[in-house]
Amino acid sequence: MTLTAYLSTREAEASVLQTATVVVVDVVRATTSMVEAVAHGARGIYPVASTEDAVRLAQTLGREDTLLAGERRGMKIEGFDLGNSPGDFASDVVDGKRLVWSTTNGTAAFAAAQESPRLVAGAFTNLNAVADAVAGDEHVVVLCAGREGHFSIEDALCAGALIR
């Protein structure tokens, strides 16, 4: 296995992301919240970079079983159903729902890696499952979302734990 780590989205090389399994890490909070949502029955997560794209996609998918989730600078986006805190994703809220998600950092990292043949959300809460899932892949990139394109210690720590 070849393993590449980018400690921020600014470092990431598109040509490398396009040819590898990419594990996006945004510990505070996007990927941790995504893991929580799936654990509580969400049937799909659709990360998008902009709020406008999120609203359009939610309308296309059908609002009766699609929720808008996300934040900008830590605050729930006005008009969205949910924020981006793990506590927002209880079973009675997300079970059976699709979630269209837009955040300041995490979904930007997913957008940067959208051409990857395989995208995985990584967090401390699913670390072992992610390690097992990608163990047989030829090339794995761990992409830290960082904070506004810059290094964040919590993402780097999680990336290091995954690599170990």
N, C-alpha and C. Protein backbone atom coordinates (compact mmCIF):
# COMPACT_ATOMS: atom_id res chain seq x y z
N MET A 1 0.84 -1.18 0.00
CA MET A 1 0.00 0.00 0.00
C MET A 1 0.89 1.25 0.00
N THR A 2 0.50 2.20 -0.82
CA THR A 2 1.12 3.52 -0.78
C THR A 2 0.22 4.42 0.04
N LEU A 3 0.81 5.18 0.94
CA LEU A 3 0.05 6.04 1.83
C LEU A 3 0.56 7.47 1.71
N THR A 4 -0.36 8.39 1.48
CA THR A 4 -0.04 9.81 1.38
C THR A 4 -0.92 10.55 2.37
N ALA A 5 -0.34 11.53 3.05
CA ALA A 5 -1.12 12.35 3.97
C ALA A 5 -0.94 13.82 3.61
N TYR A 6 -2.06 14.51 3.56
CA TYR A 6 -2.05 15.96 3.38
C TYR A 6 -2.63 16.56 4.64
N LEU A 7 -1.90 17.46 5.27
CA LEU A 7 -2.32 18.04 6.54
C LEU A 7 -3.25 19.24 6.38
N SER A 8 -3.54 19.59 5.14
CA SER A 8 -4.56 20.61 4.85
C SER A 8 -4.98 20.45 3.40
N THR A 9 -6.12 21.00 3.07
CA THR A 9 -6.60 20.90 1.68
C THR A 9 -5.71 21.70 0.74
N ARG A 10 -5.05 22.73 1.23
CA ARG A 10 -4.17 23.53 0.37
C ARG A 10 -2.98 22.73 -0.14
N GLU A 11 -2.55 21.73 0.61
CA GLU A 11 -1.41 20.90 0.20
C GLU A 11 -1.78 19.85 -0.84
N ALA A 12 -3.05 19.50 -0.89
CA ALA A 12 -3.49 18.35 -1.68
C ALA A 12 -3.27 18.56 -3.17
N GLU A 13 -2.78 17.53 -3.82
CA GLU A 13 -2.58 17.53 -5.26
C GLU A 13 -3.73 16.79 -5.93
N ALA A 14 -4.46 17.50 -6.78
CA ALA A 14 -5.64 16.92 -7.43
C ALA A 14 -5.31 15.63 -8.16
N SER A 15 -4.18 15.58 -8.84
CA SER A 15 -3.82 14.39 -9.60
C SER A 15 -3.63 13.17 -8.70
N VAL A 16 -3.19 13.38 -7.48
CA VAL A 16 -3.02 12.28 -6.52
C VAL A 16 -4.39 11.85 -5.97
N LEU A 17 -5.23 12.83 -5.65
CA LEU A 17 -6.56 12.53 -5.11
C LEU A 17 -7.40 11.74 -6.09
N GLN A 18 -7.22 11.99 -7.37
CA GLN A 18 -8.03 11.34 -8.41
C GLN A 18 -7.70 9.87 -8.60
N THR A 19 -6.58 9.42 -8.06
CA THR A 19 -6.15 8.04 -8.32
C THR A 19 -6.13 7.17 -7.07
N ALA A 20 -6.63 7.68 -5.95
CA ALA A 20 -6.49 6.96 -4.69
C ALA A 20 -7.81 6.94 -3.93
N THR A 21 -7.89 6.01 -2.98
CA THR A 21 -8.94 6.07 -1.97
C THR A 21 -8.59 7.25 -1.08
N VAL A 22 -9.55 8.13 -0.85
CA VAL A 22 -9.30 9.30 -0.01
C VAL A 22 -10.13 9.21 1.26
N VAL A 23 -9.44 9.33 2.38
CA VAL A 23 -10.09 9.39 3.69
C VAL A 23 -10.06 10.86 4.12
N VAL A 24 -11.23 11.48 4.16
CA VAL A 24 -11.33 12.87 4.60
C VAL A 24 -11.49 12.88 6.11
N VAL A 25 -10.67 13.71 6.76
CA VAL A 25 -10.70 13.84 8.21
C VAL A 25 -11.01 15.28 8.57
N ASP A 26 -12.12 15.48 9.26
CA ASP A 26 -12.48 16.78 9.83
C ASP A 26 -13.11 16.52 11.18
N VAL A 27 -12.25 16.26 12.15
CA VAL A 27 -12.67 15.77 13.46
C VAL A 27 -13.65 16.73 14.12
N VAL A 28 -13.40 18.02 14.06
CA VAL A 28 -14.31 19.01 14.66
C VAL A 28 -14.91 19.81 13.51
N ARG A 29 -16.04 19.41 12.98
CA ARG A 29 -16.97 18.41 13.41
C ARG A 29 -17.49 17.54 12.28
N ALA A 30 -17.28 17.90 11.06
CA ALA A 30 -18.02 17.28 9.95
C ALA A 30 -17.95 15.76 9.94
N THR A 31 -16.75 15.17 9.90
CA THR A 31 -16.73 13.72 9.76
C THR A 31 -17.19 13.01 11.02
N THR A 32 -16.95 13.59 12.18
CA THR A 32 -17.47 13.00 13.42
C THR A 32 -19.00 13.01 13.40
N SER A 33 -19.58 14.11 12.95
CA SER A 33 -21.04 14.20 12.88
C SER A 33 -21.60 13.26 11.81
N MET A 34 -20.90 13.10 10.70
CA MET A 34 -21.35 12.18 9.66
C MET A 34 -21.38 10.75 10.18
N VAL A 35 -20.35 10.36 10.91
CA VAL A 35 -20.31 9.02 11.50
C VAL A 35 -21.49 8.84 12.45
N GLU A 36 -21.77 9.85 13.23
CA GLU A 36 -22.89 9.81 14.18
C GLU A 36 -24.21 9.66 13.42
N ALA A 37 -24.37 10.42 12.34
CA ALA A 37 -25.61 10.35 11.56
C ALA A 37 -25.83 8.95 10.98
N VAL A 38 -24.78 8.37 10.42
CA VAL A 38 -24.90 7.03 9.85
C VAL A 38 -25.20 6.01 10.96
N ALA A 39 -24.56 6.16 12.10
CA ALA A 39 -24.80 5.25 13.23
C ALA A 39 -26.25 5.33 13.71
N HIS A 40 -26.91 6.45 13.45
CA HIS A 40 -28.29 6.63 13.88
C HIS A 40 -29.29 6.48 12.73
N GLY A 41 -28.85 5.85 11.65
CA GLY A 41 -29.79 5.44 10.62
C GLY A 41 -29.91 6.31 9.38
N ALA A 42 -29.10 7.35 9.25
CA ALA A 42 -29.16 8.14 8.01
C ALA A 42 -28.86 7.21 6.84
N ARG A 43 -29.62 7.33 5.78
CA ARG A 43 -29.45 6.40 4.65
C ARG A 43 -28.49 6.90 3.58
N GLY A 44 -28.07 8.16 3.68
CA GLY A 44 -27.11 8.68 2.73
C GLY A 44 -26.67 10.07 3.13
N ILE A 45 -25.41 10.38 2.83
CA ILE A 45 -24.86 11.70 3.10
C ILE A 45 -24.28 12.24 1.81
N TYR A 46 -24.66 13.46 1.49
CA TYR A 46 -24.25 14.12 0.26
C TYR A 46 -23.51 15.40 0.62
N PRO A 47 -22.18 15.36 0.72
CA PRO A 47 -21.44 16.57 1.04
C PRO A 47 -21.31 17.48 -0.18
N VAL A 48 -21.60 18.76 0.02
CA VAL A 48 -21.46 19.75 -1.05
C VAL A 48 -20.75 20.98 -0.48
N ALA A 49 -20.08 21.72 -1.34
CA ALA A 49 -19.26 22.84 -0.89
C ALA A 49 -20.08 24.07 -0.51
N SER A 50 -21.11 24.39 -1.26
CA SER A 50 -21.81 25.66 -1.03
C SER A 50 -23.23 25.43 -0.51
N THR A 51 -23.75 26.44 0.18
CA THR A 51 -25.12 26.36 0.67
C THR A 51 -26.10 26.34 -0.49
N GLU A 52 -25.78 27.06 -1.54
CA GLU A 52 -26.67 27.10 -2.71
C GLU A 52 -26.77 25.72 -3.35
N ASP A 53 -25.62 25.05 -3.50
CA ASP A 53 -25.63 23.68 -4.05
C ASP A 53 -26.40 22.74 -3.14
N ALA A 54 -26.28 22.93 -1.84
CA ALA A 54 -27.00 22.08 -0.89
C ALA A 54 -28.51 22.23 -1.05
N VAL A 55 -28.98 23.45 -1.14
CA VAL A 55 -30.42 23.69 -1.29
C VAL A 55 -30.92 23.09 -2.60
N ARG A 56 -30.17 23.29 -3.69
CA ARG A 56 -30.58 22.73 -4.99
C ARG A 56 -30.64 21.22 -4.95
N LEU A 57 -29.61 20.58 -4.39
CA LEU A 57 -29.58 19.13 -4.34
C LEU A 57 -30.70 18.59 -3.46
N ALA A 58 -30.96 19.20 -2.33
CA ALA A 58 -32.05 18.75 -1.45
C ALA A 58 -33.39 18.83 -2.17
N GLN A 59 -33.61 19.87 -2.93
CA GLN A 59 -34.86 20.00 -3.69
C GLN A 59 -34.95 18.93 -4.77
N THR A 60 -33.84 18.63 -5.42
CA THR A 60 -33.81 17.60 -6.46
C THR A 60 -34.10 16.22 -5.87
N LEU A 61 -33.50 15.94 -4.71
CA LEU A 61 -33.70 14.64 -4.07
C LEU A 61 -35.11 14.49 -3.49
N GLY A 62 -35.71 15.60 -3.12
CA GLY A 62 -37.05 15.57 -2.52
C GLY A 62 -36.99 15.88 -1.04
N ARG A 63 -37.56 16.97 -0.65
CA ARG A 63 -37.46 17.44 0.74
C ARG A 63 -38.22 16.58 1.74
N GLU A 64 -39.14 15.72 1.28
CA GLU A 64 -39.90 14.91 2.24
C GLU A 64 -39.02 13.93 3.01
N ASP A 65 -37.90 13.49 2.43
CA ASP A 65 -37.01 12.59 3.16
C ASP A 65 -35.55 13.02 3.09
N THR A 66 -35.34 14.31 2.88
CA THR A 66 -33.99 14.87 2.81
C THR A 66 -33.88 16.05 3.76
N LEU A 67 -32.82 16.05 4.56
CA LEU A 67 -32.56 17.13 5.50
C LEU A 67 -31.32 17.90 5.08
N LEU A 68 -31.34 19.20 5.29
CA LEU A 68 -30.16 20.04 5.07
C LEU A 68 -29.40 20.15 6.39
N ALA A 69 -28.09 19.89 6.34
CA ALA A 69 -27.26 19.96 7.54
C ALA A 69 -26.01 20.78 7.22
N GLY A 70 -25.55 21.54 8.20
CA GLY A 70 -24.31 22.24 7.99
C GLY A 70 -24.13 23.48 8.83
N GLU A 71 -22.97 24.11 8.62
CA GLU A 71 -22.62 25.30 9.37
C GLU A 71 -21.70 26.19 8.54
N ARG A 72 -21.63 27.42 8.99
CA ARG A 72 -20.62 28.35 8.51
C ARG A 72 -20.04 29.01 9.75
N ARG A 73 -18.72 28.86 9.89
CA ARG A 73 -17.99 29.39 11.05
C ARG A 73 -18.60 28.92 12.37
N GLY A 74 -19.02 27.65 12.38
CA GLY A 74 -19.54 27.03 13.59
C GLY A 74 -21.01 27.24 13.88
N MET A 75 -21.68 28.05 13.09
CA MET A 75 -23.09 28.35 13.34
C MET A 75 -23.96 27.65 12.29
N LYS A 76 -25.09 27.09 12.76
CA LYS A 76 -26.05 26.46 11.85
C LYS A 76 -26.44 27.45 10.76
N ILE A 77 -26.53 26.96 9.54
CA ILE A 77 -26.88 27.81 8.40
C ILE A 77 -28.38 28.13 8.47
N GLU A 78 -28.69 29.39 8.33
CA GLU A 78 -30.09 29.83 8.38
C GLU A 78 -30.89 29.08 7.32
N GLY A 79 -32.03 28.54 7.73
CA GLY A 79 -32.90 27.80 6.83
C GLY A 79 -32.59 26.31 6.74
N PHE A 80 -31.46 25.88 7.29
CA PHE A 80 -31.11 24.46 7.30
C PHE A 80 -31.82 23.76 8.46
N ASP A 81 -32.03 22.46 8.30
CA ASP A 81 -32.74 21.68 9.32
C ASP A 81 -31.86 21.37 10.52
N LEU A 82 -30.56 21.14 10.26
CA LEU A 82 -29.63 20.72 11.30
C LEU A 82 -28.34 21.50 11.20
N GLY A 83 -27.62 21.55 12.32
CA GLY A 83 -26.30 22.15 12.32
C GLY A 83 -25.25 21.11 11.96
N ASN A 84 -24.15 21.12 12.69
CA ASN A 84 -23.04 20.22 12.41
C ASN A 84 -22.43 19.69 13.70
N SER A 85 -23.27 19.51 14.70
CA SER A 85 -22.83 18.97 15.97
C SER A 85 -23.29 17.52 16.07
N PRO A 86 -22.45 16.62 16.55
CA PRO A 86 -22.87 15.22 16.65
C PRO A 86 -24.21 15.03 17.36
N GLY A 87 -24.52 15.88 18.32
CA GLY A 87 -25.77 15.77 19.05
C GLY A 87 -27.01 16.08 18.22
N ASP A 88 -26.82 16.69 17.06
CA ASP A 88 -27.96 17.01 16.18
C ASP A 88 -28.52 15.78 15.46
N PHE A 89 -27.80 14.67 15.47
CA PHE A 89 -28.12 13.56 14.58
C PHE A 89 -28.66 12.34 15.31
N ALA A 90 -29.64 12.56 16.14
CA ALA A 90 -30.29 11.48 16.89
C ALA A 90 -31.15 10.64 15.94
N SER A 91 -31.39 9.41 16.32
CA SER A 91 -32.16 8.48 15.49
C SER A 91 -33.53 9.02 15.13
N ASP A 92 -34.22 9.65 16.07
CA ASP A 92 -35.57 10.14 15.79
C ASP A 92 -35.57 11.28 14.77
N VAL A 93 -34.41 11.84 14.50
CA VAL A 93 -34.30 12.94 13.53
C VAL A 93 -33.82 12.43 12.16
N VAL A 94 -32.82 11.55 12.14
CA VAL A 94 -32.16 11.20 10.87
C VAL A 94 -32.45 9.80 10.34
N ASP A 95 -33.05 8.95 11.13
CA ASP A 95 -33.28 7.57 10.68
C ASP A 95 -34.07 7.55 9.37
N GLY A 96 -33.49 6.92 8.35
CA GLY A 96 -34.13 6.79 7.05
C GLY A 96 -34.04 8.02 6.17
N LYS A 97 -33.37 9.04 6.63
CA LYS A 97 -33.27 10.30 5.87
C LYS A 97 -31.96 10.40 5.10
N ARG A 98 -32.01 11.15 4.01
CA ARG A 98 -30.80 11.56 3.30
C ARG A 98 -30.38 12.91 3.87
N LEU A 99 -29.08 13.13 3.99
CA LEU A 99 -28.58 14.39 4.52
C LEU A 99 -27.71 15.07 3.47
N VAL A 100 -28.10 16.27 3.10
CA VAL A 100 -27.27 17.09 2.22
C VAL A 100 -26.53 18.04 3.14
N TRP A 101 -25.20 18.01 3.06
CA TRP A 101 -24.34 18.58 4.08
C TRP A 101 -23.40 19.63 3.49
N SER A 102 -23.30 20.78 4.13
CA SER A 102 -22.35 21.81 3.71
C SER A 102 -21.73 22.45 4.94
N THR A 103 -20.39 22.46 5.00
CA THR A 103 -19.68 23.00 6.15
C THR A 103 -18.54 23.90 5.70
N THR A 104 -17.98 24.60 6.65
CA THR A 104 -16.87 25.51 6.35
C THR A 104 -15.65 24.75 5.84
N ASN A 105 -15.30 23.64 6.48
CA ASN A 105 -14.05 22.95 6.15
C ASN A 105 -14.23 21.54 5.60
N GLY A 106 -15.02 20.72 6.27
CA GLY A 106 -15.12 19.31 5.92
C GLY A 106 -15.63 19.05 4.52
N THR A 107 -16.73 19.68 4.16
CA THR A 107 -17.28 19.40 2.82
C THR A 107 -16.43 20.01 1.72
N ALA A 108 -15.64 21.03 2.05
CA ALA A 108 -14.68 21.55 1.07
C ALA A 108 -13.62 20.49 0.76
N ALA A 109 -13.23 19.73 1.77
CA ALA A 109 -12.27 18.65 1.55
C ALA A 109 -12.89 17.54 0.70
N PHE A 110 -14.16 17.22 0.97
CA PHE A 110 -14.84 16.23 0.11
C PHE A 110 -14.93 16.73 -1.32
N ALA A 111 -15.20 18.01 -1.51
CA ALA A 111 -15.28 18.58 -2.86
C ALA A 111 -13.92 18.50 -3.55
N ALA A 112 -12.85 18.74 -2.82
CA ALA A 112 -11.51 18.67 -3.39
C ALA A 112 -11.18 17.26 -3.88
N ALA A 113 -11.77 16.27 -3.22
CA ALA A 113 -11.49 14.86 -3.55
C ALA A 113 -12.62 14.19 -4.33
N GLN A 114 -13.53 14.95 -4.89
CA GLN A 114 -14.72 14.38 -5.51
C GLN A 114 -14.42 13.47 -6.70
N GLU A 115 -13.27 13.59 -7.31
CA GLU A 115 -12.91 12.73 -8.44
C GLU A 115 -12.26 11.42 -7.99
N SER A 116 -12.07 11.26 -6.70
CA SER A 116 -11.47 10.04 -6.17
C SER A 116 -12.38 8.85 -6.49
N PRO A 117 -11.79 7.69 -6.78
CA PRO A 117 -12.63 6.52 -7.00
C PRO A 117 -13.36 6.03 -5.74
N ARG A 118 -12.86 6.45 -4.56
CA ARG A 118 -13.50 6.02 -3.31
C ARG A 118 -13.24 7.08 -2.25
N LEU A 119 -14.31 7.57 -1.64
CA LEU A 119 -14.22 8.57 -0.57
C LEU A 119 -14.75 7.98 0.73
N VAL A 120 -14.03 8.23 1.81
CA VAL A 120 -14.39 7.70 3.11
C VAL A 120 -14.31 8.83 4.13
N ALA A 121 -15.27 8.90 5.03
CA ALA A 121 -15.23 9.88 6.13
C ALA A 121 -14.51 9.24 7.31
N GLY A 122 -13.45 9.90 7.78
CA GLY A 122 -12.68 9.36 8.90
C GLY A 122 -12.75 10.26 10.11
N ALA A 123 -12.89 9.63 11.27
CA ALA A 123 -12.93 10.35 12.55
C ALA A 123 -12.42 9.41 13.63
N PHE A 124 -12.18 9.94 14.80
CA PHE A 124 -11.78 9.07 15.91
C PHE A 124 -12.85 8.03 16.19
N THR A 125 -14.10 8.37 15.98
CA THR A 125 -15.20 7.48 16.32
C THR A 125 -15.34 6.28 15.38
N ASN A 126 -14.71 6.32 14.23
CA ASN A 126 -14.76 5.16 13.32
C ASN A 126 -13.37 4.75 12.85
N LEU A 127 -12.36 5.10 13.61
CA LEU A 127 -10.97 4.90 13.20
C LEU A 127 -10.66 3.45 12.82
N ASN A 128 -11.02 2.50 13.66
CA ASN A 128 -10.72 1.10 13.36
C ASN A 128 -11.47 0.61 12.14
N ALA A 129 -12.73 1.01 12.00
CA ALA A 129 -13.52 0.60 10.84
C ALA A 129 -12.91 1.15 9.55
N VAL A 130 -12.46 2.38 9.57
CA VAL A 130 -11.83 2.97 8.38
C VAL A 130 -10.52 2.25 8.06
N ALA A 131 -9.71 2.01 9.07
CA ALA A 131 -8.45 1.29 8.85
C ALA A 131 -8.69 -0.07 8.22
N ASP A 132 -9.68 -0.79 8.73
CA ASP A 132 -10.03 -2.10 8.16
C ASP A 132 -10.54 -1.97 6.73
N ALA A 133 -11.36 -0.95 6.49
CA ALA A 133 -11.99 -0.79 5.17
C ALA A 133 -10.99 -0.47 4.08
N VAL A 134 -9.93 0.26 4.40
CA VAL A 134 -8.98 0.68 3.36
C VAL A 134 -7.70 -0.15 3.35
N ALA A 135 -7.60 -1.11 4.25
CA ALA A 135 -6.36 -1.89 4.40
C ALA A 135 -5.91 -2.56 3.11
N GLY A 136 -6.83 -2.98 2.28
CA GLY A 136 -6.45 -3.67 1.05
C GLY A 136 -6.31 -2.77 -0.16
N ASP A 137 -6.53 -1.48 0.00
CA ASP A 137 -6.46 -0.56 -1.13
C ASP A 137 -5.00 -0.28 -1.50
N GLU A 138 -4.77 -0.10 -2.79
CA GLU A 138 -3.41 0.09 -3.30
C GLU A 138 -2.81 1.43 -2.88
N HIS A 139 -3.60 2.49 -2.96
CA HIS A 139 -3.11 3.82 -2.60
C HIS A 139 -4.19 4.53 -1.78
N VAL A 140 -3.80 4.95 -0.58
CA VAL A 140 -4.72 5.65 0.31
C VAL A 140 -4.15 7.03 0.61
N VAL A 141 -5.01 8.03 0.49
CA VAL A 141 -4.66 9.40 0.85
C VAL A 141 -5.50 9.78 2.06
N VAL A 142 -4.84 10.27 3.09
CA VAL A 142 -5.54 10.84 4.23
C VAL A 142 -5.50 12.35 4.03
N LEU A 143 -6.69 12.93 3.87
CA LEU A 143 -6.82 14.36 3.59
C LEU A 143 -7.43 15.06 4.79
N CYS A 144 -6.63 15.83 5.49
CA CYS A 144 -7.13 16.61 6.63
C CYS A 144 -7.81 17.87 6.09
N ALA A 145 -9.01 18.11 6.55
CA ALA A 145 -9.74 19.30 6.12
C ALA A 145 -9.07 20.57 6.65
N GLY A 146 -8.55 20.49 7.85
CA GLY A 146 -7.92 21.66 8.44
C GLY A 146 -8.94 22.73 8.78
N ARG A 147 -8.44 23.91 9.00
CA ARG A 147 -9.31 25.04 9.33
C ARG A 147 -9.05 26.15 8.31
N GLU A 148 -10.07 26.36 7.46
CA GLU A 148 -9.99 27.36 6.40
C GLU A 148 -8.72 27.17 5.57
N GLY A 149 -8.44 25.92 5.24
CA GLY A 149 -7.31 25.58 4.38
C GLY A 149 -5.98 25.43 5.08
N HIS A 150 -5.94 25.65 6.38
CA HIS A 150 -4.70 25.57 7.14
C HIS A 150 -4.70 24.37 8.07
N PHE A 151 -3.53 24.05 8.58
CA PHE A 151 -3.31 22.95 9.51
C PHE A 151 -4.21 23.04 10.74
N SER A 152 -4.73 21.88 11.18
CA SER A 152 -5.40 21.81 12.48
C SER A 152 -4.88 20.59 13.23
N ILE A 153 -4.56 20.78 14.46
CA ILE A 153 -3.93 19.73 15.26
C ILE A 153 -4.82 18.51 15.42
N GLU A 154 -6.13 18.71 15.59
CA GLU A 154 -7.02 17.56 15.82
C GLU A 154 -7.12 16.68 14.58
N ASP A 155 -7.13 17.27 13.39
CA ASP A 155 -7.16 16.47 12.17
C ASP A 155 -5.84 15.73 11.97
N ALA A 156 -4.73 16.40 12.24
CA ALA A 156 -3.43 15.76 12.11
C ALA A 156 -3.28 14.61 13.10
N LEU A 157 -3.78 14.79 14.31
CA LEU A 157 -3.72 13.72 15.31
C LEU A 157 -4.53 12.50 14.87
N CYS A 158 -5.73 12.74 14.34
CA CYS A 158 -6.56 11.64 13.87
C CYS A 158 -5.90 10.96 12.66
N ALA A 159 -5.35 11.75 11.75
CA ALA A 159 -4.65 11.17 10.58
C ALA A 159 -3.50 10.29 11.04
N GLY A 160 -2.74 10.76 12.01
CA GLY A 160 -1.63 9.97 12.53
C GLY A 160 -2.08 8.69 13.17
N ALA A 161 -3.18 8.75 13.91
CA ALA A 161 -3.71 7.53 14.53
C ALA A 161 -4.18 6.54 13.46
N LEU A 162 -4.80 7.05 12.41
CA LEU A 162 -5.23 6.16 11.33
C LEU A 162 -4.04 5.53 10.64
N ILE A 163 -3.04 6.32 10.35
CA ILE A 163 -1.85 5.80 9.67
C ILE A 163 -1.14 4.74 10.53
N ARG A 164 -1.09 5.00 11.82
CA ARG A 164 -0.46 4.04 12.73
C ARG A 164 -1.21 2.73 12.72
